[in-house]
Amino acid sequence: MAALERGRDGHTDKATNDTLEAAIASLWDKINTQKDYVLDRDEFALFNYFIYRYKGNNVAQRTVARFWDHYKGDPNAAESKT
């Protein structure tokens, strides 16, 4: 997600901010509607960008735990560097 990369780089103009806000609102609705929803890597990156909003929130904590419980990692990371 290009908007997330711009946000991480500190380039949060109105368009970027609006895009990120719409994306997190949609994702949070999905999380609350589907109680066992497992985030994919891109969704987790977005959620993690806004994690400060959900500090102490049990739903958010369970969502993060479910992500890590199902995370398979980067299959290319296991390749030999030699």
Protein backbone atom coordinates (compact mmCIF):
# COMPACT_ATOMS: atom_id res chain seq x y z
CA MET A 1 0.00 0.00 0.00
CA ALA A 2 1.65 3.17 -1.23
CA ALA A 3 -0.18 5.40 1.26
CA LEU A 4 1.19 3.36 4.16
CA GLU A 5 4.74 3.71 2.83
CA ARG A 6 4.29 7.47 2.51
CA GLY A 7 2.88 7.60 6.04
CA ARG A 8 5.81 5.65 7.42
CA ASP A 9 8.17 8.04 5.66
CA GLY A 10 6.41 10.98 7.30
CA HIS A 11 4.78 12.19 4.09
CA THR A 12 1.24 12.46 5.40
CA ASP A 13 -0.50 14.94 3.16
CA LYS A 14 -4.30 15.13 3.23
CA ALA A 15 -4.77 12.55 0.47
CA THR A 16 -2.45 10.07 2.19
CA ASN A 17 -4.09 10.65 5.55
CA ASP A 18 -7.59 10.25 4.07
CA THR A 19 -6.57 7.00 2.37
CA LEU A 20 -5.05 5.58 5.55
CA GLU A 21 -8.01 6.64 7.68
CA ALA A 22 -10.48 5.02 5.28
CA ALA A 23 -8.41 1.84 5.16
CA ILE A 24 -8.11 1.49 8.95
CA ALA A 25 -11.82 2.23 9.43
CA SER A 26 -12.73 -0.47 6.92
CA LEU A 27 -10.29 -2.93 8.48
CA TRP A 28 -11.51 -2.23 12.02
CA ASP A 29 -15.11 -2.82 10.86
CA LYS A 30 -14.03 -6.14 9.34
CA ILE A 31 -12.25 -7.15 12.55
CA ASN A 32 -15.31 -6.34 14.65
CA THR A 33 -17.73 -8.04 12.26
CA GLN A 34 -15.70 -11.25 11.85
CA LYS A 35 -14.50 -12.06 15.36
CA ASP A 36 -12.05 -14.76 14.18
CA TYR A 37 -10.68 -12.74 11.26
CA VAL A 38 -6.97 -13.27 10.56
CA LEU A 39 -5.12 -10.30 9.11
CA ASP A 40 -2.92 -10.79 6.09
CA ARG A 41 0.55 -9.20 6.04
CA ASP A 42 -0.58 -5.96 4.42
CA GLU A 43 -3.52 -5.60 6.80
CA PHE A 44 -1.25 -6.27 9.75
CA ALA A 45 1.15 -3.58 8.54
CA LEU A 46 -1.72 -1.10 8.36
CA PHE A 47 -3.10 -2.16 11.74
CA ASN A 48 0.34 -1.94 13.30
CA TYR A 49 0.75 1.60 11.93
CA PHE A 50 -2.33 2.61 13.96
CA ILE A 51 -1.75 0.27 16.93
CA TYR A 52 -1.43 3.16 19.38
CA ARG A 53 -5.17 3.77 18.92
CA TYR A 54 -6.00 0.34 20.24
CA LYS A 55 -3.74 0.17 23.29
CA GLY A 56 -5.47 -1.90 25.95
CA ASN A 57 -8.26 -2.97 23.59
CA ASN A 58 -8.95 -6.69 23.98
CA VAL A 59 -10.26 -7.08 20.43
CA ALA A 60 -7.07 -5.54 19.06
CA GLN A 61 -4.88 -7.70 21.29
CA ARG A 62 -6.65 -10.86 20.12
CA THR A 63 -6.39 -9.71 16.50
CA VAL A 64 -2.62 -9.26 16.79
CA ALA A 65 -2.27 -12.62 18.56
CA ARG A 66 -4.27 -14.36 15.80
CA PHE A 67 -2.02 -12.82 13.18
CA TRP A 68 1.12 -14.13 14.88
CA ASP A 69 -0.48 -17.53 15.52
CA HIS A 70 -1.09 -17.89 11.77
CA TYR A 71 1.96 -16.07 10.43
CA LYS A 72 4.05 -18.18 8.09
CA GLY A 73 6.84 -15.68 7.51
CA ASP A 74 8.62 -14.89 4.30
CA PRO A 75 9.41 -18.14 2.50
CA ASN A 76 12.36 -16.43 0.80
CA ALA A 77 13.94 -15.57 4.15
CA ALA A 78 14.85 -19.23 4.72
CA GLU A 79 16.92 -19.42 1.55
CA SER A 80 20.67 -19.73 1.89
CA LYS A 81 22.67 -16.54 1.41
CA THR A 82 25.72 -18.46 0.13
